[in-house]
Amino acid sequence: MARHTNPASPDQFDLFAVGDTPAPARQCAAPPTPTRTAACTPSGMTPGVAVDILTDITSHTLGLLDDTDRVVTIDRDTGRAREIHDADVVHHLIATGYAERSPRRDTVDCKWGITRKPVTPLRLTATGRALLTRWTALRPLRTT
């Protein structure tokens, strides 16, 4: 029995031709080049705001709600926890090593809405205390 083979003619499409590579369906742009040269800091990070937040951390009134990393202020009188607006500044201070979580033994239960949730207070590191000392010494310039 003879096998029938059909030789490819030059006008037929060759699937494995080297020179016939299709163009990609979607053209992707090159990724944007970074334009920032300075260190990334939150928009609300000023020495005044940082001093206020660092003193709140020193007085153990700022903490992280359970394991969600929500920054809350702890009201010791009423036992309530409320979320703060400058959470990005606090997360920046934690990421740069100026503040850290207190040990688990310092965790307090606070009212969060109608439930009680554990809040871990924040504490300053040695570099955080040095930053607080430096930034507290800043005085506004007098304009005469």
N, C-alpha and C. Protein backbone atom coordinates (compact mmCIF):
# COMPACT_ATOMS: atom_id res chain seq x y z
N MET A 1 0.84 -1.15 0.00
CA MET A 1 0.00 0.00 0.00
C MET A 1 0.90 1.24 0.00
N ALA A 2 0.61 2.11 -0.87
CA ALA A 2 1.43 3.31 -1.02
C ALA A 2 0.86 4.44 -0.18
N ARG A 3 1.74 5.16 0.43
CA ARG A 3 1.33 6.31 1.24
C ARG A 3 1.22 7.53 0.35
N HIS A 4 0.17 8.31 0.53
CA HIS A 4 -0.03 9.50 -0.28
C HIS A 4 0.55 10.71 0.47
N THR A 5 1.47 11.37 -0.10
CA THR A 5 2.05 12.59 0.47
C THR A 5 1.75 13.74 -0.46
N ASN A 6 1.43 14.85 0.13
CA ASN A 6 1.14 16.05 -0.64
C ASN A 6 2.27 17.04 -0.41
N PRO A 7 3.14 17.24 -1.35
CA PRO A 7 4.22 18.20 -1.14
C PRO A 7 3.66 19.62 -1.04
N ALA A 8 4.22 20.40 -0.12
CA ALA A 8 3.76 21.79 0.07
C ALA A 8 4.15 22.62 -1.12
N SER A 9 3.20 23.31 -1.63
CA SER A 9 3.48 24.20 -2.75
C SER A 9 3.95 25.55 -2.20
N PRO A 10 4.69 26.33 -2.99
CA PRO A 10 5.22 27.60 -2.49
C PRO A 10 4.15 28.62 -2.15
N ASP A 11 2.96 28.49 -2.67
CA ASP A 11 1.93 29.48 -2.37
C ASP A 11 1.14 29.13 -1.12
N GLN A 12 1.34 27.97 -0.55
CA GLN A 12 0.65 27.60 0.68
C GLN A 12 1.38 28.19 1.89
N PHE A 13 0.62 28.33 2.98
CA PHE A 13 1.19 28.89 4.21
C PHE A 13 1.99 27.82 4.94
N ASP A 14 3.21 28.13 5.28
CA ASP A 14 4.06 27.21 6.02
C ASP A 14 4.04 27.61 7.50
N LEU A 15 3.56 26.69 8.34
CA LEU A 15 3.44 27.00 9.77
C LEU A 15 4.78 27.20 10.45
N PHE A 16 5.80 26.58 9.97
CA PHE A 16 7.08 26.62 10.65
C PHE A 16 8.12 27.46 9.91
N ALA A 17 7.68 28.39 9.13
CA ALA A 17 8.62 29.25 8.40
C ALA A 17 9.30 30.20 9.36
N VAL A 18 10.56 30.44 9.13
CA VAL A 18 11.35 31.27 10.03
C VAL A 18 11.05 32.75 9.85
N GLY A 19 10.86 33.20 8.64
CA GLY A 19 10.71 34.61 8.38
C GLY A 19 9.30 35.14 8.61
N ASP A 20 8.32 34.29 8.84
CA ASP A 20 6.94 34.73 8.98
C ASP A 20 6.51 34.76 10.44
N THR A 21 7.10 35.61 11.27
CA THR A 21 6.69 35.72 12.67
C THR A 21 5.61 36.78 12.77
N PRO A 22 4.50 36.45 13.36
CA PRO A 22 3.43 37.44 13.46
C PRO A 22 3.78 38.52 14.49
N ALA A 23 3.25 39.68 14.27
CA ALA A 23 3.46 40.79 15.21
C ALA A 23 2.62 40.55 16.45
N PRO A 24 3.07 40.97 17.61
CA PRO A 24 2.26 40.77 18.81
C PRO A 24 0.93 41.52 18.70
N ALA A 25 -0.09 40.91 19.28
CA ALA A 25 -1.42 41.50 19.19
C ALA A 25 -1.51 42.81 19.95
N ARG A 26 -0.75 42.96 21.02
CA ARG A 26 -0.80 44.16 21.84
C ARG A 26 0.60 44.67 22.04
N GLN A 27 0.79 45.92 21.76
CA GLN A 27 2.10 46.53 21.95
C GLN A 27 2.18 47.08 23.37
N CYS A 28 3.18 46.69 24.12
CA CYS A 28 3.35 47.16 25.49
C CYS A 28 4.38 48.28 25.51
N ALA A 29 4.05 49.29 26.27
CA ALA A 29 4.99 50.40 26.43
C ALA A 29 6.04 50.01 27.46
N ALA A 30 7.16 50.65 27.38
CA ALA A 30 8.21 50.41 28.36
C ALA A 30 7.74 50.91 29.72
N PRO A 31 8.17 50.26 30.79
CA PRO A 31 7.74 50.74 32.11
C PRO A 31 8.26 52.14 32.36
N PRO A 32 7.49 52.94 33.12
CA PRO A 32 7.93 54.32 33.36
C PRO A 32 9.19 54.35 34.20
N THR A 33 10.02 55.30 33.92
CA THR A 33 11.24 55.46 34.70
C THR A 33 10.92 56.24 35.96
N PRO A 34 11.52 55.88 37.08
CA PRO A 34 11.24 56.61 38.32
C PRO A 34 11.75 58.04 38.21
N THR A 35 10.92 58.97 38.66
CA THR A 35 11.30 60.39 38.60
C THR A 35 11.73 60.93 39.95
N ARG A 36 11.43 60.21 41.01
CA ARG A 36 11.79 60.70 42.34
C ARG A 36 13.24 60.38 42.63
N THR A 37 13.92 61.35 43.17
CA THR A 37 15.30 61.11 43.58
C THR A 37 15.42 61.13 45.09
N ALA A 38 14.50 61.79 45.76
CA ALA A 38 14.56 61.86 47.22
C ALA A 38 13.89 60.62 47.81
N ALA A 39 14.10 60.41 49.08
CA ALA A 39 13.47 59.29 49.76
C ALA A 39 11.96 59.49 49.81
N CYS A 40 11.23 58.41 49.72
CA CYS A 40 9.77 58.49 49.73
C CYS A 40 9.30 58.73 51.16
N THR A 41 8.60 59.81 51.37
CA THR A 41 8.02 60.11 52.67
C THR A 41 6.56 60.44 52.47
N PRO A 42 5.72 60.17 53.46
CA PRO A 42 4.31 60.50 53.32
C PRO A 42 4.10 61.99 53.15
N SER A 43 3.00 62.35 52.52
CA SER A 43 2.75 63.75 52.22
C SER A 43 2.54 64.60 53.47
N GLY A 44 2.01 64.01 54.54
CA GLY A 44 1.76 64.78 55.76
C GLY A 44 2.91 64.80 56.72
N MET A 45 4.07 64.32 56.31
CA MET A 45 5.21 64.20 57.21
C MET A 45 5.94 65.53 57.31
N THR A 46 5.67 66.25 58.39
CA THR A 46 6.39 67.48 58.71
C THR A 46 6.95 67.29 60.11
N PRO A 47 7.95 68.08 60.48
CA PRO A 47 8.49 67.93 61.83
C PRO A 47 7.43 68.10 62.92
N GLY A 48 6.49 69.00 62.74
CA GLY A 48 5.44 69.19 63.76
C GLY A 48 4.55 67.97 63.92
N VAL A 49 4.13 67.40 62.79
CA VAL A 49 3.28 66.20 62.84
C VAL A 49 4.08 65.04 63.41
N ALA A 50 5.33 64.91 62.99
CA ALA A 50 6.15 63.81 63.49
C ALA A 50 6.38 63.92 64.99
N VAL A 51 6.60 65.12 65.49
CA VAL A 51 6.80 65.30 66.93
C VAL A 51 5.53 64.91 67.69
N ASP A 52 4.36 65.33 67.17
CA ASP A 52 3.10 64.97 67.82
C ASP A 52 2.91 63.45 67.86
N ILE A 53 3.18 62.80 66.75
CA ILE A 53 3.01 61.34 66.69
C ILE A 53 4.02 60.65 67.57
N LEU A 54 5.26 61.11 67.57
CA LEU A 54 6.28 60.48 68.41
C LEU A 54 5.97 60.66 69.90
N THR A 55 5.44 61.82 70.29
CA THR A 55 5.06 61.99 71.71
C THR A 55 3.85 61.14 72.06
N ASP A 56 2.91 60.95 71.11
CA ASP A 56 1.79 60.04 71.37
C ASP A 56 2.27 58.60 71.52
N ILE A 57 3.27 58.22 70.75
CA ILE A 57 3.83 56.88 70.89
C ILE A 57 4.53 56.75 72.23
N THR A 58 5.23 57.81 72.66
CA THR A 58 5.92 57.78 73.95
C THR A 58 4.93 57.62 75.10
N SER A 59 3.76 58.26 74.98
CA SER A 59 2.76 58.17 76.05
C SER A 59 1.86 56.94 75.91
N HIS A 60 2.19 56.04 74.98
CA HIS A 60 1.46 54.77 74.77
C HIS A 60 -0.01 54.99 74.44
N THR A 61 -0.31 56.03 73.66
CA THR A 61 -1.70 56.24 73.24
C THR A 61 -1.94 55.84 71.79
N LEU A 62 -0.91 55.40 71.07
CA LEU A 62 -1.08 54.89 69.72
C LEU A 62 -0.77 53.41 69.71
N GLY A 63 -1.55 52.68 68.93
CA GLY A 63 -1.34 51.24 68.84
C GLY A 63 -1.84 50.69 67.53
N LEU A 64 -1.60 49.39 67.34
CA LEU A 64 -2.06 48.69 66.15
C LEU A 64 -3.18 47.75 66.54
N LEU A 65 -4.29 47.83 65.81
CA LEU A 65 -5.47 47.02 66.09
C LEU A 65 -5.23 45.59 65.63
N ASP A 66 -5.47 44.63 66.49
CA ASP A 66 -5.22 43.19 66.31
C ASP A 66 -4.14 42.95 65.27
N ASP A 67 -4.36 42.18 64.25
CA ASP A 67 -3.31 41.96 63.26
C ASP A 67 -3.62 42.64 61.93
N THR A 68 -4.50 43.62 61.94
CA THR A 68 -4.87 44.30 60.70
C THR A 68 -3.96 45.47 60.39
N ASP A 69 -3.09 45.85 61.30
CA ASP A 69 -2.18 46.99 61.15
C ASP A 69 -2.90 48.31 60.97
N ARG A 70 -4.10 48.43 61.48
CA ARG A 70 -4.77 49.73 61.54
C ARG A 70 -4.21 50.49 62.72
N VAL A 71 -3.84 51.73 62.48
CA VAL A 71 -3.28 52.55 63.56
C VAL A 71 -4.44 53.23 64.27
N VAL A 72 -4.50 53.03 65.58
CA VAL A 72 -5.59 53.58 66.38
C VAL A 72 -5.02 54.35 67.55
N THR A 73 -5.82 55.27 68.05
CA THR A 73 -5.48 55.97 69.28
C THR A 73 -6.25 55.30 70.41
N ILE A 74 -5.59 55.10 71.52
CA ILE A 74 -6.17 54.39 72.66
C ILE A 74 -6.60 55.42 73.69
N ASP A 75 -7.88 55.42 74.03
CA ASP A 75 -8.40 56.28 75.08
C ASP A 75 -8.48 55.44 76.35
N ARG A 76 -7.54 55.66 77.26
CA ARG A 76 -7.45 54.82 78.47
C ARG A 76 -8.64 55.04 79.40
N ASP A 77 -9.24 56.23 79.39
CA ASP A 77 -10.36 56.52 80.29
C ASP A 77 -11.60 55.71 79.91
N THR A 78 -11.95 55.70 78.63
CA THR A 78 -13.16 55.01 78.20
C THR A 78 -12.89 53.61 77.67
N GLY A 79 -11.64 53.30 77.39
CA GLY A 79 -11.32 51.98 76.86
C GLY A 79 -11.69 51.81 75.40
N ARG A 80 -11.74 52.90 74.66
CA ARG A 80 -12.10 52.85 73.24
C ARG A 80 -10.86 53.05 72.37
N ALA A 81 -10.96 52.53 71.16
CA ALA A 81 -9.92 52.72 70.16
C ALA A 81 -10.55 53.37 68.94
N ARG A 82 -9.89 54.39 68.43
CA ARG A 82 -10.38 55.10 67.24
C ARG A 82 -9.25 55.21 66.22
N GLU A 83 -9.61 55.05 64.94
CA GLU A 83 -8.61 55.14 63.89
C GLU A 83 -8.15 56.58 63.72
N ILE A 84 -6.86 56.77 63.39
CA ILE A 84 -6.32 58.12 63.22
C ILE A 84 -6.15 58.44 61.74
N HIS A 85 -6.01 59.73 61.45
CA HIS A 85 -5.88 60.18 60.06
C HIS A 85 -4.45 60.06 59.54
N ASP A 86 -3.47 60.17 60.40
CA ASP A 86 -2.07 60.14 59.98
C ASP A 86 -1.47 58.75 60.06
N ALA A 87 -2.22 57.75 59.65
CA ALA A 87 -1.75 56.37 59.73
C ALA A 87 -0.55 56.13 58.81
N ASP A 88 -0.51 56.82 57.66
CA ASP A 88 0.62 56.62 56.75
C ASP A 88 1.92 57.13 57.35
N VAL A 89 1.86 58.18 58.14
CA VAL A 89 3.06 58.68 58.82
C VAL A 89 3.54 57.68 59.86
N VAL A 90 2.60 57.09 60.59
CA VAL A 90 2.97 56.09 61.61
C VAL A 90 3.57 54.86 60.94
N HIS A 91 2.99 54.40 59.84
CA HIS A 91 3.55 53.25 59.13
C HIS A 91 4.93 53.56 58.56
N HIS A 92 5.15 54.81 58.15
CA HIS A 92 6.47 55.20 57.68
C HIS A 92 7.48 55.17 58.83
N LEU A 93 7.08 55.64 60.00
CA LEU A 93 7.98 55.60 61.16
C LEU A 93 8.30 54.16 61.57
N ILE A 94 7.33 53.27 61.43
CA ILE A 94 7.57 51.86 61.75
C ILE A 94 8.51 51.25 60.71
N ALA A 95 8.27 51.55 59.43
CA ALA A 95 9.08 50.97 58.36
C ALA A 95 10.52 51.45 58.40
N THR A 96 10.75 52.68 58.85
CA THR A 96 12.11 53.20 58.91
C THR A 96 12.81 52.88 60.22
N GLY A 97 12.13 52.20 61.13
CA GLY A 97 12.79 51.74 62.35
C GLY A 97 12.74 52.70 63.51
N TYR A 98 11.87 53.71 63.47
CA TYR A 98 11.76 54.65 64.58
C TYR A 98 10.76 54.18 65.63
N ALA A 99 9.81 53.35 65.24
CA ALA A 99 8.80 52.84 66.17
C ALA A 99 8.62 51.35 65.91
N GLU A 100 8.10 50.66 66.92
CA GLU A 100 7.86 49.23 66.79
C GLU A 100 6.70 48.83 67.69
N ARG A 101 6.22 47.62 67.50
CA ARG A 101 5.16 47.08 68.37
C ARG A 101 5.74 46.78 69.75
N SER A 102 4.93 46.99 70.76
CA SER A 102 5.32 46.58 72.11
C SER A 102 5.19 45.07 72.21
N PRO A 103 5.76 44.46 73.24
CA PRO A 103 5.62 43.01 73.40
C PRO A 103 4.16 42.61 73.60
N ARG A 104 3.86 41.35 73.36
CA ARG A 104 2.48 40.84 73.48
C ARG A 104 1.90 41.04 74.87
N ARG A 105 2.73 41.06 75.87
CA ARG A 105 2.22 41.19 77.24
C ARG A 105 1.60 42.56 77.50
N ASP A 106 1.92 43.56 76.66
CA ASP A 106 1.38 44.91 76.82
C ASP A 106 0.07 45.12 76.07
N THR A 107 -0.45 44.09 75.41
CA THR A 107 -1.68 44.21 74.63
C THR A 107 -2.86 44.52 75.55
N VAL A 108 -3.71 45.45 75.10
CA VAL A 108 -4.89 45.84 75.87
C VAL A 108 -6.14 45.56 75.03
N ASP A 109 -7.25 45.29 75.69
CA ASP A 109 -8.53 45.12 75.01
C ASP A 109 -9.24 46.45 74.98
N CYS A 110 -9.63 46.88 73.80
CA CYS A 110 -10.34 48.15 73.64
C CYS A 110 -11.63 47.92 72.87
N LYS A 111 -12.58 48.79 73.11
CA LYS A 111 -13.82 48.73 72.36
C LYS A 111 -13.57 49.25 70.95
N TRP A 112 -13.94 48.47 69.95
CA TRP A 112 -13.86 48.86 68.56
C TRP A 112 -15.26 48.67 67.99
N GLY A 113 -16.01 49.77 67.94
CA GLY A 113 -17.42 49.65 67.58
C GLY A 113 -18.17 49.04 68.74
N ILE A 114 -18.82 47.89 68.51
CA ILE A 114 -19.55 47.22 69.59
C ILE A 114 -18.80 46.01 70.11
N THR A 115 -17.65 45.70 69.53
CA THR A 115 -16.88 44.54 69.98
C THR A 115 -15.61 44.99 70.68
N ARG A 116 -14.99 44.08 71.36
CA ARG A 116 -13.71 44.34 71.99
C ARG A 116 -12.63 43.63 71.18
N LYS A 117 -11.57 44.37 70.88
CA LYS A 117 -10.48 43.81 70.10
C LYS A 117 -9.15 44.13 70.77
N PRO A 118 -8.15 43.28 70.57
CA PRO A 118 -6.84 43.55 71.16
C PRO A 118 -6.08 44.63 70.39
N VAL A 119 -5.47 45.53 71.13
CA VAL A 119 -4.67 46.60 70.55
C VAL A 119 -3.27 46.51 71.15
N THR A 120 -2.27 46.44 70.26
CA THR A 120 -0.89 46.39 70.70
C THR A 120 -0.31 47.80 70.65
N PRO A 121 0.06 48.37 71.80
CA PRO A 121 0.62 49.74 71.78
C PRO A 121 1.95 49.77 71.03
N LEU A 122 2.28 50.95 70.54
CA LEU A 122 3.57 51.16 69.87
C LEU A 122 4.56 51.74 70.86
N ARG A 123 5.83 51.52 70.60
CA ARG A 123 6.88 52.12 71.42
C ARG A 123 8.01 52.59 70.51
N LEU A 124 8.77 53.55 71.00
CA LEU A 124 9.87 54.10 70.23
C LEU A 124 11.11 53.23 70.36
N THR A 125 11.88 53.16 69.31
CA THR A 125 13.19 52.52 69.38
C THR A 125 14.20 53.57 69.85
N ALA A 126 15.44 53.17 69.97
CA ALA A 126 16.47 54.12 70.39
C ALA A 126 16.64 55.23 69.36
N THR A 127 16.58 54.88 68.07
CA THR A 127 16.69 55.91 67.04
C THR A 127 15.44 56.79 67.01
N GLY A 128 14.29 56.23 67.38
CA GLY A 128 13.07 57.03 67.47
C GLY A 128 13.14 58.05 68.59
N ARG A 129 13.72 57.66 69.72
CA ARG A 129 13.89 58.61 70.82
C ARG A 129 14.87 59.71 70.44
N ALA A 130 15.93 59.35 69.69
CA ALA A 130 16.89 60.36 69.23
C ALA A 130 16.22 61.31 68.23
N LEU A 131 15.38 60.78 67.36
CA LEU A 131 14.65 61.63 66.40
C LEU A 131 13.72 62.58 67.13
N LEU A 132 13.02 62.08 68.15
CA LEU A 132 12.13 62.94 68.93
C LEU A 132 12.91 64.05 69.61
N THR A 133 14.07 63.74 70.14
CA THR A 133 14.90 64.75 70.80
C THR A 133 15.37 65.81 69.80
N ARG A 134 15.80 65.37 68.62
CA ARG A 134 16.26 66.33 67.60
C ARG A 134 15.12 67.21 67.11
N TRP A 135 13.98 66.61 66.82
CA TRP A 135 12.89 67.37 66.23
C TRP A 135 12.16 68.22 67.25
N THR A 136 12.26 67.90 68.54
CA THR A 136 11.66 68.75 69.55
C THR A 136 12.49 70.02 69.72
N ALA A 137 13.77 69.94 69.42
CA ALA A 137 14.64 71.11 69.56
C ALA A 137 14.45 72.11 68.42
N LEU A 138 13.76 71.73 67.36
CA LEU A 138 13.54 72.66 66.25
C LEU A 138 12.62 73.79 66.68
N ARG A 139 12.97 74.99 66.33
CA ARG A 139 12.17 76.16 66.64
C ARG A 139 11.84 76.86 65.33
N PRO A 140 10.66 77.42 65.20
CA PRO A 140 10.35 78.17 63.97
C PRO A 140 11.21 79.44 63.88
N LEU A 141 11.56 79.80 62.68
CA LEU A 141 12.34 81.02 62.47
C LEU A 141 11.47 82.25 62.69
N ARG A 142 12.09 83.27 63.29
CA ARG A 142 11.37 84.52 63.50
C ARG A 142 11.47 85.37 62.22
N THR A 143 10.36 85.92 61.84
CA THR A 143 10.38 86.83 60.71
C THR A 143 10.17 88.24 61.25
N THR A 144 11.13 89.11 60.99
CA THR A 144 11.04 90.47 61.51
C THR A 144 10.90 91.46 60.42
